PDB file of N, CA and C in Angstrom:
ATOM      1  N   MET A   1       1.427   4.653  -1.949  1.00  0.00           N
ATOM      2  CA  MET A   1       1.989   5.977  -1.828  1.00  0.00           C
ATOM      3  C   MET A   1       0.945   6.707  -1.056  1.00  0.00           C
ATOM      4  N   ASP A   2       1.381   7.695  -0.265  1.00  0.00           N
ATOM      5  CA  ASP A   2       0.449   8.535   0.402  1.00  0.00           C
ATOM      6  C   ASP A   2       0.552   9.944  -0.161  1.00  0.00           C
ATOM      7  N   LEU A   3      -0.182  10.825   0.527  1.00  0.00           N
ATOM      8  CA  LEU A   3      -0.236  12.224  -0.093  1.00  0.00           C
ATOM      9  C   LEU A   3       1.064  13.010   0.125  1.00  0.00           C
ATOM     10  N   GLY A   4       1.975  12.517   0.794  1.00  0.00           N
ATOM     11  CA  GLY A   4       3.325  13.118   0.939  1.00  0.00           C
ATOM     12  C   GLY A   4       4.203  13.110  -0.341  1.00  0.00           C
ATOM     13  N   PHE A   5       3.735  12.361  -1.364  1.00  0.00           N
ATOM     14  CA  PHE A   5       4.407  12.251  -2.540  1.00  0.00           C
ATOM     15  C   PHE A   5       3.673  12.788  -3.724  1.00  0.00           C
ATOM     16  N   GLU A   6       3.074  13.876  -3.564  1.00  0.00           N
ATOM     17  CA  GLU A   6       2.189  14.503  -4.580  1.00  0.00           C
ATOM     18  C   GLU A   6       2.869  14.731  -5.939  1.00  0.00           C
ATOM     19  N   GLY A   7       4.159  15.171  -5.982  1.00  0.00           N
ATOM     20  CA  GLY A   7       4.865  15.460  -7.183  1.00  0.00           C
ATOM     21  C   GLY A   7       5.175  14.278  -7.974  1.00  0.00           C
ATOM     22  N   LEU A   8       5.180  13.064  -7.458  1.00  0.00           N
ATOM     23  CA  LEU A   8       5.567  11.898  -8.173  1.00  0.00           C
ATOM     24  C   LEU A   8       4.524  11.471  -9.203  1.00  0.00           C
ATOM     25  N   GLU A   9       3.227  11.786  -8.993  1.00  0.00           N
ATOM     26  CA  GLU A   9       2.207  11.337  -9.867  1.00  0.00           C
ATOM     27  C   GLU A   9       2.381  11.955 -11.287  1.00  0.00           C
ATOM     28  N   GLN A  10       2.945  13.241 -11.365  1.00  0.00           N
ATOM     29  CA  GLN A  10       3.139  13.779 -12.660  1.00  0.00           C
ATOM     30  C   GLN A  10       4.508  13.313 -13.310  1.00  0.00           C
ATOM     31  N   LYS A  11       5.435  12.893 -12.482  1.00  0.00           N
ATOM     32  CA  LYS A  11       6.754  12.508 -13.025  1.00  0.00           C
ATOM     33  C   LYS A  11       6.754  11.060 -13.524  1.00  0.00           C
ATOM     34  N   TYR A  12       5.991  10.152 -12.831  1.00  0.00           N
ATOM     35  CA  TYR A  12       6.021   8.733 -13.310  1.00  0.00           C
ATOM     36  C   TYR A  12       4.612   8.360 -13.647  1.00  0.00           C
ATOM     37  N   ASP A  13       4.482   7.358 -14.614  1.00  0.00           N
ATOM     38  CA  ASP A  13       3.229   6.901 -15.032  1.00  0.00           C
ATOM     39  C   ASP A  13       2.635   5.815 -14.158  1.00  0.00           C
ATOM     40  N   ASN A  14       3.342   5.218 -13.386  1.00  0.00           N
ATOM     41  CA  ASN A  14       2.887   3.990 -12.570  1.00  0.00           C
ATOM     42  C   ASN A  14       2.613   4.362 -11.156  1.00  0.00           C
ATOM     43  N   ILE A  15       2.630   5.687 -10.792  1.00  0.00           N
ATOM     44  CA  ILE A  15       2.302   6.146  -9.488  1.00  0.00           C
ATOM     45  C   ILE A  15       0.809   6.656  -9.447  1.00  0.00           C
ATOM     46  N   HIS A  16       0.021   6.075  -8.453  1.00  0.00           N
ATOM     47  CA  HIS A  16      -1.287   6.495  -8.383  1.00  0.00           C
ATOM     48  C   HIS A  16      -1.616   6.946  -6.939  1.00  0.00           C
ATOM     49  N   LEU A  17      -2.052   8.171  -6.817  1.00  0.00           N
ATOM     50  CA  LEU A  17      -2.317   8.710  -5.450  1.00  0.00           C
ATOM     51  C   LEU A  17      -3.852   8.789  -5.325  1.00  0.00           C
ATOM     52  N   PRO A  18      -4.339   8.718  -4.107  1.00  0.00           N
ATOM     53  CA  PRO A  18      -5.828   8.835  -3.840  1.00  0.00           C
ATOM     54  C   PRO A  18      -6.241  10.226  -4.150  1.00  0.00           C
ATOM     55  N   HIS A  19      -7.556  10.392  -4.398  1.00  0.00           N
ATOM     56  CA  HIS A  19      -8.131  11.745  -4.622  1.00  0.00           C
ATOM     57  C   HIS A  19      -8.293  12.369  -3.235  1.00  0.00           C
ATOM     58  N   ARG A  20      -7.994  13.663  -3.204  1.00  0.00           N
ATOM     59  CA  ARG A  20      -8.202  14.400  -1.982  1.00  0.00           C
ATOM     60  C   ARG A  20      -9.536  15.065  -1.970  1.00  0.00           C
ATOM     61  N   LYS A  21     -10.178  15.099  -0.809  1.00  0.00           N
ATOM     62  CA  LYS A  21     -11.448  15.842  -0.680  1.00  0.00           C
ATOM     63  C   LYS A  21     -11.087  17.324  -0.588  1.00  0.00           C
ATOM     64  N   PRO A  22     -11.796  18.052  -1.537  1.00  0.00           N
ATOM     65  CA  PRO A  22     -11.528  19.435  -1.526  1.00  0.00           C
ATOM     66  C   PRO A  22     -12.021  20.144  -0.244  1.00  0.00           C
ATOM     67  N   ARG A  23     -11.351  21.262   0.190  1.00  0.00           N
ATOM     68  CA  ARG A  23     -11.733  21.853   1.403  1.00  0.00           C
ATOM     69  C   ARG A  23     -13.150  22.429   1.287  1.00  0.00           C
ATOM     70  N   GLY A  24     -13.989  21.978   2.167  1.00  0.00           N
ATOM     71  CA  GLY A  24     -15.368  22.391   2.247  1.00  0.00           C
ATOM     72  C   GLY A  24     -16.288  21.675   1.235  1.00  0.00           C
ATOM     73  N   GLY A  25     -15.746  20.614   0.624  1.00  0.00           N
ATOM     74  CA  GLY A  25     -16.476  19.936  -0.411  1.00  0.00           C
ATOM     75  C   GLY A  25     -16.475  18.408  -0.199  1.00  0.00           C
ATOM     76  N   GLU A  26     -16.918  17.685  -1.175  1.00  0.00           N
ATOM     77  CA  GLU A  26     -17.022  16.213  -1.168  1.00  0.00           C
ATOM     78  C   GLU A  26     -16.446  15.699  -2.454  1.00  0.00           C
ATOM     79  N   LEU A  27     -16.080  14.439  -2.373  1.00  0.00           N
ATOM     80  CA  LEU A  27     -15.614  13.745  -3.597  1.00  0.00           C
ATOM     81  C   LEU A  27     -16.805  13.338  -4.377  1.00  0.00           C
ATOM     82  N   SER A  28     -16.579  13.346  -5.729  1.00  0.00           N
ATOM     83  CA  SER A  28     -17.654  12.843  -6.611  1.00  0.00           C
ATOM     84  C   SER A  28     -17.766  11.328  -6.395  1.00  0.00           C
ATOM     85  N   GLU A  29     -18.863  10.662  -6.925  1.00  0.00           N
ATOM     86  CA  GLU A  29     -18.943   9.244  -6.769  1.00  0.00           C
ATOM     87  C   GLU A  29     -17.894   8.518  -7.586  1.00  0.00           C
ATOM     88  N   THR A  30     -17.496   9.089  -8.738  1.00  0.00           N
ATOM     89  CA  THR A  30     -16.418   8.415  -9.484  1.00  0.00           C
ATOM     90  C   THR A  30     -15.084   8.441  -8.799  1.00  0.00           C
ATOM     91  N   GLN A  31     -14.828   9.599  -8.060  1.00  0.00           N
ATOM     92  CA  GLN A  31     -13.613   9.741  -7.272  1.00  0.00           C
ATOM     93  C   GLN A  31     -13.586   8.790  -6.150  1.00  0.00           C
ATOM     94  N   LYS A  32     -14.836   8.627  -5.479  1.00  0.00           N
ATOM     95  CA  LYS A  32     -14.943   7.650  -4.332  1.00  0.00           C
ATOM     96  C   LYS A  32     -14.667   6.246  -4.828  1.00  0.00           C
ATOM     97  N   GLN A  33     -15.221   5.905  -5.999  1.00  0.00           N
ATOM     98  CA  GLN A  33     -14.998   4.548  -6.547  1.00  0.00           C
ATOM     99  C   GLN A  33     -13.490   4.290  -6.850  1.00  0.00           C
ATOM    100  N   ASP A  34     -12.914   5.358  -7.498  1.00  0.00           N
ATOM    101  CA  ASP A  34     -11.472   5.219  -7.790  1.00  0.00           C
ATOM    102  C   ASP A  34     -10.593   5.010  -6.563  1.00  0.00           C
ATOM    103  N   LYS A  35     -10.931   5.870  -5.441  1.00  0.00           N
ATOM    104  CA  LYS A  35     -10.215   5.683  -4.206  1.00  0.00           C
ATOM    105  C   LYS A  35     -10.432   4.370  -3.644  1.00  0.00           C
ATOM    106  N   CYS A  36     -11.651   3.832  -3.723  1.00  0.00           N
ATOM    107  CA  CYS A  36     -11.928   2.491  -3.138  1.00  0.00           C
ATOM    108  C   CYS A  36     -11.096   1.412  -3.839  1.00  0.00           C
ATOM    109  N   LEU A  37     -11.036   1.513  -5.170  1.00  0.00           N
ATOM    110  CA  LEU A  37     -10.270   0.509  -5.899  1.00  0.00           C
ATOM    111  C   LEU A  37      -8.789   0.597  -5.584  1.00  0.00           C
ATOM    112  N   LEU A  38      -8.283   1.828  -5.441  1.00  0.00           N
ATOM    113  CA  LEU A  38      -6.862   2.042  -5.105  1.00  0.00           C
ATOM    114  C   LEU A  38      -6.594   1.418  -3.748  1.00  0.00           C
ATOM    115  N   ASN A  39      -7.501   1.679  -2.801  1.00  0.00           N
ATOM    116  CA  ASN A  39      -7.309   1.166  -1.407  1.00  0.00           C
ATOM    117  C   ASN A  39      -7.303  -0.408  -1.445  1.00  0.00           C
ATOM    118  N   GLN A  40      -8.164  -1.011  -2.281  1.00  0.00           N
ATOM    119  CA  GLN A  40      -8.179  -2.472  -2.298  1.00  0.00           C
ATOM    120  C   GLN A  40      -6.860  -2.973  -2.820  1.00  0.00           C
ATOM    121  N   SER A  41      -6.367  -2.370  -3.852  1.00  0.00           N
ATOM    122  CA  SER A  41      -5.105  -2.860  -4.480  1.00  0.00           C
ATOM    123  C   SER A  41      -3.898  -2.664  -3.460  1.00  0.00           C
ATOM    124  N   CYS A  42      -3.973  -1.568  -2.639  1.00  0.00           N
ATOM    125  CA  CYS A  42      -2.944  -1.272  -1.683  1.00  0.00           C
ATOM    126  C   CYS A  42      -2.982  -2.340  -0.565  1.00  0.00           C
ATOM    127  N   VAL A  43      -4.152  -2.817  -0.229  1.00  0.00           N
ATOM    128  CA  VAL A  43      -4.292  -3.873   0.819  1.00  0.00           C
ATOM    129  C   VAL A  43      -3.775  -5.178   0.291  1.00  0.00           C
ATOM    130  N   LEU A  44      -4.002  -5.445  -0.990  1.00  0.00           N
ATOM    131  CA  LEU A  44      -3.468  -6.656  -1.517  1.00  0.00           C
ATOM    132  C   LEU A  44      -1.964  -6.628  -1.549  1.00  0.00           C
ATOM    133  N   CYS A  45      -1.373  -5.544  -1.870  1.00  0.00           N
ATOM    134  CA  CYS A  45       0.140  -5.483  -1.876  1.00  0.00           C
ATOM    135  C   CYS A  45       0.661  -5.434  -0.496  1.00  0.00           C
ATOM    136  N   LYS A  46       0.044  -4.793   0.470  1.00  0.00           N
ATOM    137  CA  LYS A  46       0.565  -4.736   1.787  1.00  0.00           C
ATOM    138  C   LYS A  46       0.502  -6.176   2.409  1.00  0.00           C
ATOM    139  N   ASN A  47      -0.613  -6.907   2.160  1.00  0.00           N
ATOM    140  CA  ASN A  47      -0.685  -8.290   2.619  1.00  0.00           C
ATOM    141  C   ASN A  47       0.361  -9.146   2.024  1.00  0.00           C
ATOM    142  N   ALA A  48       0.502  -9.103   0.782  1.00  0.00           N
ATOM    143  CA  ALA A  48       1.529  -9.911   0.129  1.00  0.00           C
ATOM    144  C   ALA A  48       2.942  -9.592   0.708  1.00  0.00           C
ATOM    145  N   PHE A  49       3.213  -8.294   0.901  1.00  0.00           N
ATOM    146  CA  PHE A  49       4.495  -7.967   1.443  1.00  0.00           C
ATOM    147  C   PHE A  49       4.665  -8.510   2.891  1.00  0.00           C
ATOM    148  N   ALA A  50       3.582  -8.436   3.636  1.00  0.00           N
ATOM    149  CA  ALA A  50       3.638  -8.981   5.011  1.00  0.00           C
ATOM    150  C   ALA A  50       3.880 -10.508   4.989  1.00  0.00           C
ATOM    151  N   LEU A  51       3.257 -11.136   4.080  1.00  0.00           N
ATOM    152  CA  LEU A  51       3.431 -12.598   3.941  1.00  0.00           C
ATOM    153  C   LEU A  51       4.895 -12.909   3.517  1.00  0.00           C
ATOM    154  N   CYS A  52       5.486 -12.174   2.673  1.00  0.00           N
ATOM    155  CA  CYS A  52       6.925 -12.364   2.345  1.00  0.00           C
ATOM    156  C   CYS A  52       7.773 -12.187   3.592  1.00  0.00           C
ATOM    157  N   GLN A  53       7.477 -11.126   4.361  1.00  0.00           N
ATOM    158  CA  GLN A  53       8.332 -10.882   5.620  1.00  0.00           C
ATOM    159  C   GLN A  53       8.205 -12.041   6.520  1.00  0.00           C
ATOM    160  N   ALA A  54       6.936 -12.479   6.742  1.00  0.00           N
ATOM    161  CA  ALA A  54       6.626 -13.622   7.693  1.00  0.00           C
ATOM    162  C   ALA A  54       7.475 -14.870   7.223  1.00  0.00           C
ATOM    163  N   LEU A  55       7.367 -15.132   5.946  1.00  0.00           N
ATOM    164  CA  LEU A  55       8.073 -16.349   5.435  1.00  0.00           C
ATOM    165  C   LEU A  55       9.556 -16.169   5.561  1.00  0.00           C
ATOM    166  N   GLN A  56      10.034 -14.995   5.331  1.00  0.00           N
ATOM    167  CA  GLN A  56      11.535 -14.751   5.434  1.00  0.00           C
ATOM    168  C   GLN A  56      11.868 -14.921   6.931  1.00  0.00           C
ATOM    169  N   ARG A  57      11.066 -14.424   7.843  1.00  0.00           N
ATOM    170  CA  ARG A  57      11.407 -14.542   9.350  1.00  0.00           C
ATOM    171  C   ARG A  57      11.385 -16.058   9.615  1.00  0.00           C
ATOM    172  N   ARG A  58      10.384 -16.736   9.081  1.00  0.00           N
ATOM    173  CA  ARG A  58      10.250 -18.223   9.435  1.00  0.00           C
ATOM    174  C   ARG A  58      11.424 -18.995   8.855  1.00  0.00           C
ATOM    175  N   GLN A  59      11.899 -18.654   7.697  1.00  0.00           N
ATOM    176  CA  GLN A  59      13.071 -19.315   7.045  1.00  0.00           C
ATOM    177  C   GLN A  59      14.293 -19.037   7.972  1.00  0.00           C
ATOM    178  N   GLY A  60      14.392 -17.836   8.486  1.00  0.00           N
ATOM    179  CA  GLY A  60      15.500 -17.517   9.337  1.00  0.00           C
ATOM    180  C   GLY A  60      15.510 -18.334  10.655  1.00  0.00           C
ATOM    181  N   ASP A  61      14.295 -18.515  11.171  1.00  0.00           N
ATOM    182  CA  ASP A  61      14.147 -19.345  12.424  1.00  0.00           C
ATOM    183  C   ASP A  61      14.540 -20.767  12.128  1.00  0.00           C
ATOM    184  N   LEU A  62      14.121 -21.404  10.877  1.00  0.00           N
ATOM    185  CA  LEU A  62      14.531 -22.731  10.585  1.00  0.00           C
ATOM    186  C   LEU A  62      16.009 -22.846  10.324  1.00  0.00           C
ATOM    187  N   ALA A  63      16.584 -21.812   9.802  1.00  0.00           N
ATOM    188  CA  ALA A  63      18.006 -21.915   9.438  1.00  0.00           C
ATOM    189  C   ALA A  63      18.895 -21.870  10.656  1.00  0.00           C
ATOM    190  N   GLN A  64      18.323 -21.346  11.790  1.00  0.00           N
ATOM    191  CA  GLN A  64      19.138 -21.321  12.998  1.00  0.00           C
ATOM    192  C   GLN A  64      18.539 -22.144  14.089  1.00  0.00           C
ATOM    193  N   PRO A  65      18.722 -23.396  14.094  1.00  0.00           N
ATOM    194  CA  PRO A  65      17.939 -24.201  15.074  1.00  0.00           C
ATOM    195  C   PRO A  65      18.397 -24.065  16.530  1.00  0.00           C
ATOM    196  N   ASN A  66      19.480 -23.482  16.777  1.00  0.00           N
ATOM    197  CA  ASN A  66      19.876 -23.309  18.309  1.00  0.00           C
ATOM    198  C   ASN A  66      19.324 -22.021  18.864  1.00  0.00           C
ATOM    199  N   ARG A  67      18.499 -21.373  18.093  1.00  0.00           N
ATOM    200  CA  ARG A  67      17.897 -20.157  18.760  1.00  0.00           C
ATOM    201  C   ARG A  67      16.785 -20.584  19.781  1.00  0.00           C
ATOM    202  N   GLY A  68      16.798 -19.905  20.824  1.00  0.00           N
ATOM    203  CA  GLY A  68      15.797 -20.294  21.880  1.00  0.00           C
ATOM    204  C   GLY A  68      14.408 -19.838  21.414  1.00  0.00           C
ATOM    205  N   LEU A  69      13.643 -20.791  20.891  1.00  0.00           N
ATOM    206  CA  LEU A  69      12.309 -20.575  20.522  1.00  0.00           C
ATOM    207  C   LEU A  69      11.365 -20.694  21.563  1.00  0.00           C
TER     208      LEU A  69
END
């Protein structure tokens, strides 16, 4: 989730948004570590989703042998 979904974090327990840097300030070390962990989990999920999409496309190519490959 990106920062366009700010209200969802209070509504649902399983939504985690990254910390925002305050205007004219910096994030604390704890906030930076939290943000790093969140980014790492996002990358894992995005890579897994991309793999599923690639496998699905590949199955579609195998199911239609007359397609011009």
